[in-house]
Protein backbone atom coordinates (compact mmCIF):
# COMPACT_ATOMS: atom_id res chain seq x y z
CA UNK A 1 -16.13 32.28 17.73
CA UNK A 2 -13.97 30.50 15.14
CA UNK A 3 -12.18 27.28 16.00
CA UNK A 4 -8.65 28.65 15.99
CA UNK A 5 -5.85 27.97 18.46
CA UNK A 6 -5.35 31.53 19.65
CA UNK A 7 -7.76 34.44 19.49
CA UNK A 8 -5.48 37.43 19.58
CA UNK A 9 -6.04 40.00 16.85
CA UNK A 10 -3.49 38.75 14.31
CA UNK A 11 -4.56 35.07 14.20
CA UNK A 12 -8.21 36.11 14.09
CA UNK A 13 -7.55 38.40 11.13
CA UNK A 14 -5.51 35.71 9.36
CA UNK A 15 -8.38 33.24 9.74
CA UNK A 16 -10.58 35.39 7.47
CA UNK A 17 -10.32 36.00 3.75
CA UNK A 18 -9.17 39.57 3.39
CA UNK A 19 -8.65 39.93 7.14
CA UNK A 20 -6.87 43.22 7.76
CA UNK A 21 -4.57 42.86 10.77
CA UNK A 22 -3.80 46.56 11.12
CA UNK A 23 -7.44 47.60 10.83
CA UNK A 24 -8.54 45.06 13.44
CA UNK A 25 -5.71 46.09 15.78
CA UNK A 26 -6.74 49.72 15.51
CA UNK A 27 -10.41 48.87 15.93
CA UNK A 28 -9.80 47.06 19.23
CA UNK A 29 -6.80 48.94 20.60
CA UNK A 30 -7.56 52.59 19.81
CA UNK A 31 -10.93 52.65 18.03
CA UNK A 32 -13.05 55.70 18.80
CA UNK A 33 -16.13 53.66 19.72
CA UNK A 34 -17.27 53.89 23.33
CA UNK A 35 -18.22 50.87 25.39
CA UNK A 36 -20.83 52.45 27.66
CA UNK A 37 -23.66 52.79 25.13
CA UNK A 38 -22.96 49.35 23.69
CA UNK A 39 -23.06 47.74 27.13
CA UNK A 40 -26.37 49.46 27.92
CA UNK A 41 -27.86 47.94 24.79
CA UNK A 42 -26.20 44.64 25.62
CA UNK A 43 -27.90 44.62 29.02
CA UNK A 44 -31.28 45.29 27.38
CA UNK A 45 -30.76 42.25 25.15
CA UNK A 46 -29.72 40.18 28.18
CA UNK A 47 -33.01 41.14 29.82
CA UNK A 48 -34.92 40.28 26.65
CA UNK A 49 -33.20 36.90 26.36
CA UNK A 50 -32.86 35.73 29.96
CA UNK A 51 -34.80 38.19 32.10
CA UNK A 52 -36.91 36.84 34.98
CA UNK A 53 -38.31 38.49 38.14
CA UNK A 54 -36.22 36.17 40.31
CA UNK A 55 -33.07 36.75 38.29
CA UNK A 56 -29.73 36.77 40.09
CA UNK A 57 -26.70 39.00 39.58
CA UNK A 58 -23.44 37.29 40.54
CA UNK A 59 -20.44 39.38 41.51
CA UNK A 60 -16.93 37.95 41.20
CA UNK A 61 -13.35 38.63 40.21
CA UNK A 62 -11.73 37.60 36.94
CA UNK A 63 -7.93 37.67 36.73
CA UNK A 64 -5.53 37.35 33.80
CA UNK A 65 -1.90 36.17 34.25
CA UNK A 66 0.50 38.41 32.35
CA UNK A 67 4.21 38.56 31.59
CA UNK A 68 6.02 41.88 31.73
CA UNK A 69 5.06 45.26 33.12
CA UNK A 70 3.52 47.02 30.12
CA UNK A 71 -0.13 45.92 30.31
CA UNK A 72 -2.52 48.33 31.98
CA UNK A 73 -3.07 47.57 35.66
CA UNK A 74 -0.61 44.68 35.77
CA UNK A 75 1.03 44.05 39.14
CA UNK A 76 2.07 41.29 41.50
CA UNK A 77 -1.19 40.45 43.23
CA UNK A 78 -3.33 37.43 44.02
CA UNK A 79 -4.26 35.67 40.77
CA UNK A 80 -7.31 33.39 40.90
CA UNK A 81 -6.42 31.12 37.95
CA UNK A 82 -2.97 30.45 39.43
CA UNK A 83 -4.10 30.33 43.06
CA UNK A 84 -1.18 32.45 44.25
CA UNK A 85 0.37 35.91 44.11
CA UNK A 86 1.66 36.45 40.58
CA UNK A 87 2.01 39.05 37.85
CA UNK A 88 -1.51 39.59 36.52
CA UNK A 89 -4.33 41.96 35.70
CA UNK A 90 -7.37 41.84 37.98
CA UNK A 91 -10.94 42.76 37.17
CA UNK A 92 -14.45 42.65 38.61
CA UNK A 93 -17.30 41.15 36.56
CA UNK A 94 -21.06 40.87 36.85
CA UNK A 95 -22.98 37.88 35.45
CA UNK A 96 -26.74 37.54 35.12
CA UNK A 97 -28.45 34.21 35.72
CA UNK A 98 -32.01 32.93 35.54
CA UNK A 99 -33.67 29.61 34.79
CA UNK A 100 -33.17 30.42 31.08
CA UNK A 101 -29.37 30.71 31.22
CA UNK A 102 -26.54 33.03 32.18
CA UNK A 103 -24.19 35.54 30.58
CA UNK A 104 -21.98 38.55 31.32
CA UNK A 105 -23.40 41.97 32.22
CA UNK A 106 -20.50 44.32 32.97
CA UNK A 107 -16.81 44.53 33.90
CA UNK A 108 -14.31 46.87 35.53
CA UNK A 109 -10.50 46.75 35.41
CA UNK A 110 -8.87 47.05 38.82
CA UNK A 111 -5.93 49.47 39.09
CA UNK A 112 -3.75 48.57 42.09
CA UNK A 113 -2.67 51.36 44.41
CA UNK A 114 0.90 51.32 43.06
CA UNK A 115 -0.41 52.51 39.71
CA UNK A 116 -1.26 55.83 41.34
CA UNK A 117 2.32 56.46 42.48
CA UNK A 118 4.54 59.02 40.76
CA UNK A 119 6.82 56.33 39.30
CA UNK A 120 3.87 54.96 37.30
CA UNK A 121 2.86 58.24 35.61
CA UNK A 122 4.68 57.39 32.39
CA UNK A 123 3.07 53.93 32.25
CA UNK A 124 -0.29 55.54 33.08
CA UNK A 125 0.00 57.83 30.05
CA UNK A 126 1.38 55.09 27.80
CA UNK A 127 -1.62 52.88 28.57
CA UNK A 128 -4.06 55.72 27.91
CA UNK A 129 -5.77 55.62 31.31
CA UNK A 130 -8.28 58.51 31.37
CA UNK A 131 -7.12 61.50 33.40
CA UNK A 132 -8.82 61.75 36.76
CA UNK A 133 -9.49 58.01 37.08
CA UNK A 134 -9.68 57.51 40.86
CA UNK A 135 -8.36 54.62 42.88
CA UNK A 136 -11.25 52.27 43.67
CA UNK A 137 -11.23 49.07 45.65
CA UNK A 138 -12.81 46.00 44.09
CA UNK A 139 -16.00 46.38 46.20
CA UNK A 140 -16.21 50.02 45.07
CA UNK A 141 -15.87 48.93 41.44
CA UNK A 142 -18.60 46.37 42.09
CA UNK A 143 -21.00 49.02 43.39
CA UNK A 144 -20.15 51.29 40.45
CA UNK A 145 -21.65 48.56 38.24
CA UNK A 146 -24.47 47.50 40.56
CA UNK A 147 -25.79 50.96 41.36
CA UNK A 148 -27.04 51.76 37.82
CA UNK A 149 -28.48 48.25 37.50
CA UNK A 150 -30.49 48.83 40.67
CA UNK A 151 -31.56 52.35 39.70
CA UNK A 152 -32.44 51.83 36.04
CA UNK A 153 -34.29 48.53 36.34
CA UNK A 154 -33.37 47.44 32.80
CA UNK A 155 -32.36 43.97 33.96
CA UNK A 156 -34.84 42.33 36.34
CA UNK A 157 -33.23 40.88 39.47
CA UNK A 158 -33.83 40.65 43.19
CA UNK A 159 -30.74 38.81 44.40
CA UNK A 160 -27.00 39.51 44.35
CA UNK A 161 -24.55 36.76 45.32
CA UNK A 162 -20.83 37.12 46.03
CA UNK A 163 -17.83 35.42 47.57
CA UNK A 164 -16.01 36.34 50.76
CA UNK A 165 -13.82 39.04 49.17
CA UNK A 166 -16.93 41.16 48.61
CA UNK A 167 -19.13 39.75 51.37
CA UNK A 168 -16.81 41.06 54.07
CA UNK A 169 -17.33 44.63 52.79
CA UNK A 170 -20.18 45.99 54.92
CA UNK A 171 -20.42 49.22 52.90
CA UNK A 172 -21.27 47.28 49.74
CA UNK A 173 -23.87 45.23 51.62
CA UNK A 174 -25.44 48.37 53.07
CA UNK A 175 -25.68 49.91 49.58
CA UNK A 176 -27.51 46.81 48.31
CA UNK A 177 -29.84 46.75 51.31
CA UNK A 178 -30.69 50.44 50.80
CA UNK A 179 -31.42 49.69 47.12
CA UNK A 180 -33.95 47.04 48.14
CA UNK A 181 -31.93 44.06 46.85
CA UNK A 182 -31.29 40.83 48.70
CA UNK A 183 -27.75 39.57 49.00
CA UNK A 184 -26.35 36.15 49.76
CA UNK A 185 -22.80 37.03 50.72
CA UNK A 186 -20.22 34.51 51.80
CA UNK A 187 -18.45 35.87 54.88
CA UNK A 188 -15.43 34.88 56.98
CA UNK A 189 -16.00 32.80 60.11
CA UNK A 190 -14.99 35.79 62.22
CA UNK A 191 -18.23 37.62 61.28
CA UNK A 192 -20.23 38.25 64.43
CA UNK A 193 -23.86 38.67 65.50
CA UNK A 194 -26.34 38.29 68.37
CA UNK A 195 -29.11 35.70 68.48
CA UNK A 196 -31.12 38.24 70.48
CA UNK A 197 -30.78 41.98 69.96
CA UNK A 198 -28.94 43.48 72.96
CA UNK A 199 -30.08 46.66 74.63
CA UNK A 200 -28.34 49.96 73.97
CA UNK A 201 -28.60 53.34 75.66
CA UNK A 202 -26.92 56.72 75.66
CA UNK A 203 -24.73 56.90 78.78
CA UNK A 204 -25.63 59.57 81.36
CA UNK A 205 -23.76 62.84 81.12
CA UNK A 206 -20.69 63.23 83.29
CA UNK A 207 -19.68 66.22 85.32
CA UNK A 208 -17.12 67.32 82.73
CA UNK A 209 -17.08 67.63 78.97
CA UNK A 210 -19.82 67.33 76.43
CA UNK A 211 -22.68 64.95 77.14
CA UNK A 212 -22.52 61.69 75.12
CA UNK A 213 -24.81 61.42 72.10
CA UNK A 214 -23.94 57.96 70.74
CA UNK A 215 -25.67 54.89 72.10
CA UNK A 216 -23.59 52.14 73.65
CA UNK A 217 -24.26 48.60 74.74
CA UNK A 218 -25.86 48.48 78.16
CA UNK A 219 -23.34 47.20 80.76
CA UNK A 220 -23.61 43.45 81.17
CA UNK A 221 -24.90 42.88 77.64
CA UNK A 222 -23.70 39.64 75.99
CA UNK A 223 -20.88 39.82 73.46
CA UNK A 224 -21.63 39.17 69.82
CA UNK A 225 -20.70 35.63 68.74
CA UNK A 226 -18.70 34.45 65.76
CA UNK A 227 -20.74 32.90 63.00
CA UNK A 228 -18.87 29.57 63.21
CA UNK A 229 -19.43 29.46 66.99
CA UNK A 230 -23.15 29.94 66.42
CA UNK A 231 -23.16 27.06 63.94
CA UNK A 232 -21.76 24.72 66.60
CA UNK A 233 -24.71 25.48 68.91
CA UNK A 234 -27.30 24.27 66.41
CA UNK A 235 -29.01 20.92 67.07
CA UNK A 236 -29.08 18.23 64.43
CA UNK A 237 -32.70 18.95 63.54
CA UNK A 238 -31.74 22.49 62.50
CA UNK A 239 -29.89 21.09 59.46
CA UNK A 240 -31.83 20.35 56.27
CA UNK A 241 -30.55 18.35 53.32
CA UNK A 242 -30.94 19.72 49.78
CA UNK A 243 -29.94 18.61 46.31
CA UNK A 244 -28.93 21.92 44.80
CA UNK A 245 -28.02 20.94 41.25
CA UNK A 246 -26.86 18.11 39.04
CA UNK A 247 -23.11 18.49 38.58
CA UNK A 248 -20.85 16.76 36.06
CA UNK A 249 -20.06 14.16 38.73
CA UNK A 250 -23.62 13.69 39.95
CA UNK A 251 -25.98 15.58 42.25
CA UNK A 252 -24.61 18.26 44.59
CA UNK A 253 -26.05 17.45 48.02
CA UNK A 254 -25.54 19.80 50.98
CA UNK A 255 -26.84 20.41 54.47
CA UNK A 256 -28.18 23.88 55.21
CA UNK A 257 -29.09 25.63 58.44
CA UNK A 258 -30.18 29.23 58.95
CA UNK A 259 -30.86 31.47 61.94
CA UNK A 260 -32.02 35.04 62.39
CA UNK A 261 -29.47 37.29 64.05
CA UNK A 262 -28.71 40.92 64.74
CA UNK A 263 -25.51 41.75 62.89
CA UNK A 264 -22.72 43.93 64.24
CA UNK A 265 -22.35 47.44 62.80
CA UNK A 266 -19.48 49.52 64.21
CA UNK A 267 -19.57 47.48 67.38
CA UNK A 268 -23.30 48.06 67.93
CA UNK A 269 -26.45 46.14 66.94
CA UNK A 270 -27.17 46.58 63.23
CA UNK A 271 -29.67 45.03 60.83
CA UNK A 272 -31.58 41.85 61.52
CA UNK A 273 -30.44 39.29 58.95
CA UNK A 274 -29.91 35.63 58.27
CA UNK A 275 -26.76 33.73 59.09
CA UNK A 276 -26.77 30.78 56.69
CA UNK A 277 -24.56 27.72 57.15
CA UNK A 278 -23.65 25.18 54.49
CA UNK A 279 -21.69 21.94 54.67
CA UNK A 280 -21.38 18.64 52.85
CA UNK A 281 -23.05 15.68 54.55
CA UNK A 282 -20.48 14.02 56.78
CA UNK A 283 -18.04 16.94 56.58
CA UNK A 284 -19.04 18.99 59.62
CA UNK A 285 -15.72 20.86 59.71
CA UNK A 286 -15.97 22.11 56.10
CA UNK A 287 -18.33 24.96 56.88
CA UNK A 288 -19.29 27.82 54.55
CA UNK A 289 -20.94 30.81 56.19
CA UNK A 290 -23.13 33.50 54.67
CA UNK A 291 -25.09 36.56 55.69
CA UNK A 292 -28.32 37.43 53.93
CA UNK A 293 -30.74 40.35 54.26
CA UNK A 294 -33.78 38.55 52.81
CA UNK A 295 -37.01 38.83 54.84
CA UNK A 296 -37.59 36.65 57.89
CA UNK A 297 -40.25 34.60 56.10
CA UNK A 298 -37.90 33.55 53.27
CA UNK A 299 -38.14 29.75 52.83
CA UNK A 300 -34.99 27.87 53.72
CA UNK A 301 -35.15 26.19 50.30
CA UNK A 302 -34.67 29.63 48.72
CA UNK A 303 -31.74 30.37 51.00
CA UNK A 304 -30.20 27.01 50.11
CA UNK A 305 -30.55 27.66 46.38
CA UNK A 306 -28.92 31.07 46.68
CA UNK A 307 -25.84 29.66 48.40
CA UNK A 308 -25.21 27.72 45.20
CA UNK A 309 -25.76 30.60 42.79
CA UNK A 310 -22.14 31.47 42.16
CA UNK A 311 -21.49 28.67 39.66
CA UNK A 312 -22.86 30.65 36.66
CA UNK A 313 -20.06 33.21 36.92
CA UNK A 314 -17.47 30.43 37.01
CA UNK A 315 -19.08 28.86 33.94
CA UNK A 316 -19.16 32.19 32.10
CA UNK A 317 -15.51 32.87 32.88
CA UNK A 318 -14.60 29.40 31.66
CA UNK A 319 -16.68 29.79 28.49
CA UNK A 320 -15.14 33.18 27.85
CA UNK A 321 -11.59 31.91 28.21
CA UNK A 322 -11.87 28.48 26.57
CA UNK A 323 -14.38 29.26 23.81
CA UNK A 324 -13.99 32.96 23.02
CA UNK A 325 -10.40 33.88 23.83
CA UNK A 326 -11.27 36.26 26.66
CA UNK A 327 -7.74 35.85 28.03
CA UNK A 328 -5.95 35.69 24.66
CA UNK A 329 -5.74 39.43 24.14
CA UNK A 330 -2.39 41.10 23.48
CA UNK A 331 -3.57 44.69 23.76
CA UNK A 332 -1.88 46.60 26.55
CA UNK A 333 -3.86 49.82 26.87
CA UNK A 334 -6.93 50.87 28.84
CA UNK A 335 -9.19 51.26 25.81
CA UNK A 336 -8.02 48.03 24.19
CA UNK A 337 -8.71 45.97 27.33
CA UNK A 338 -12.24 47.34 27.67
CA UNK A 339 -12.96 46.92 23.95
CA UNK A 340 -11.78 43.32 23.99
CA UNK A 341 -13.91 42.46 27.02
CA UNK A 342 -16.96 44.11 25.43
CA UNK A 343 -16.52 42.09 22.24
CA UNK A 344 -16.17 38.91 24.31
CA UNK A 345 -19.40 39.70 26.18
CA UNK A 346 -21.27 40.31 22.92
CA UNK A 347 -19.99 37.04 21.47
CA UNK A 348 -21.01 35.10 24.57
CA UNK A 349 -24.51 36.59 24.54
CA UNK A 350 -24.82 35.72 20.83
CA UNK A 351 -24.12 32.07 21.63
CA UNK A 352 -26.47 32.15 24.62
CA UNK A 353 -29.30 33.56 22.49
CA UNK A 354 -28.81 30.77 19.95
CA UNK A 355 -28.80 28.19 22.74
CA UNK A 356 -32.07 29.60 24.12
CA UNK A 357 -33.69 29.57 20.68
CA UNK A 358 -32.56 26.00 20.01
CA UNK A 359 -33.29 24.85 23.55
CA UNK A 360 -36.79 23.58 22.81
CA UNK A 361 -35.38 20.89 20.55
CA UNK A 362 -32.06 20.46 22.38
CA UNK A 363 -32.50 21.39 26.06
CA UNK A 364 -29.06 20.05 27.07
CA UNK A 365 -27.21 22.17 24.51
CA UNK A 366 -24.22 24.10 25.92
CA UNK A 367 -22.56 27.33 24.83
CA UNK A 368 -19.53 25.32 23.71
CA UNK A 369 -21.68 23.04 21.55
CA UNK A 370 -23.41 26.04 19.94
CA UNK A 371 -20.02 27.48 19.02
CA UNK A 372 -19.05 24.15 17.45
CA UNK A 373 -22.25 24.12 15.41
CA UNK A 374 -21.49 27.61 14.11
CA UNK A 375 -18.26 26.45 12.48
CA UNK A 376 -20.23 25.20 9.44
CA UNK A 377 -21.64 28.67 8.69
CA UNK A 378 -19.07 31.18 9.97
CA UNK A 379 -16.84 32.56 7.19
CA UNK A 380 -13.23 31.44 7.43
CA UNK A 381 -10.22 31.34 5.19
CA UNK A 382 -9.44 28.15 3.28
CA UNK A 383 -5.75 27.27 2.97
CA UNK A 384 -4.21 25.40 0.06
CA UNK A 385 -0.59 24.23 0.01
CA UNK A 386 0.70 27.48 -1.51
CA UNK A 387 -1.15 29.79 0.85
CA UNK A 388 -0.12 27.66 3.84
CA UNK A 389 3.56 27.99 2.84
CA UNK A 390 3.10 31.74 2.37
CA UNK A 391 1.61 31.95 5.87
CA UNK A 392 4.53 30.05 7.41
CA UNK A 393 6.99 32.33 5.62
CA UNK A 394 5.14 35.43 6.84
CA UNK A 395 5.21 34.17 10.44
CA UNK A 396 8.93 33.42 10.23
CA UNK A 397 9.67 36.91 8.90
CA UNK A 398 7.57 38.47 11.64
CA UNK A 399 9.30 36.43 14.35
CA UNK A 400 12.72 37.33 12.96
CA UNK A 401 11.84 41.03 12.95
CA UNK A 402 10.58 40.79 16.52
CA UNK A 403 13.78 39.03 17.59
CA UNK A 404 15.97 41.76 16.03
CA UNK A 405 13.90 44.45 17.73
CA UNK A 406 14.15 42.80 21.17
CA UNK A 407 17.88 42.14 20.69
CA UNK A 408 18.53 45.77 19.78
CA UNK A 409 16.65 46.96 22.86
CA UNK A 410 18.50 44.55 25.16
CA UNK A 411 21.89 45.65 23.82
CA UNK A 412 20.92 49.28 24.27
CA UNK A 413 19.93 48.64 27.90
CA UNK A 414 23.17 46.74 28.60
CA UNK A 415 25.22 49.52 27.05
CA UNK A 416 23.47 52.09 29.24
CA UNK A 417 24.17 49.99 32.37
CA UNK A 418 27.90 49.75 31.55
CA UNK A 419 28.31 53.51 31.28
């Protein structure tokens, strides 16, 4: 939480009187402490600080651009911060939000499929990935975090919101529906449904083979329609205007429409849900589409609010990276990555708790402003001219040693190639 340029282990240790670089590196990179118990306690404190019956859990990805091939899980894959395919680490995060505020709940590091190939076994061991770690897709990692939240009930929430990457995964949505949670999931325009549930029947048995047991659409039944095609059929009076929130550039005004449909499940009629449509006034071609399993009597104002409930995760990711160095880490191993993320989550919640406590007197206070206020009380090293020169000399010696090490390795590799 200190105001320093970079929040990797070494500069953080140097910012403190008596800061022990080696001890801090070992604590984060290979320390024997386990994250699971700490995160369970963390979630209890989140519930104590921000918990509300109508709380929302937001599911999203969080990516970290990286150079080189040594960091755990690094690969060429789509990188959100860069908006393109690049060398990065990818993760899945959960954020909790209520009227009181928002903060992180949990995280999972995504291991791309190539990390399970034989040519990655040495890197796997070098990074300390636990033996038996299975390949899991990002939606599977999401459910691995959501399932205990649903079962244990430590954090109160009814809604889960997500973007299209997760909303297109019907297995994840079915898990949430079975757990009694409502989802507002952005979905691609190719998602299909029926305005009226079509009839199904088991076809009559033929003269040969086993009799059919699976229902099929009755011949002549209408085809399911794409969600964007359904939006085009709606009359003007079906659209309602809402001011969802006050943004930095003024109020966010949208037009919302919603219809009840029967969704498609394996080509057959599935659950009855909402298709929700969102657009900016005057921009009829910029359509966002969602599916939602909330009850049929859910007010459209509630549906409208939930379409806008992904911004807290974007704010948390920004706070984590700009205020707390969430993407400044230089650890490369499995344990170090998880430890660093846990410490970031604890720091963010600490700031959020202070903001909540001070909110009565300063309701517009932000996490960033709380961190700035803390600078007057947090312990930090004071540099005089002599100690500043000593620090510059130490950095130069370290850089020189690193250069010699890299040069030696490069020459060794070139020599091996010339043989």
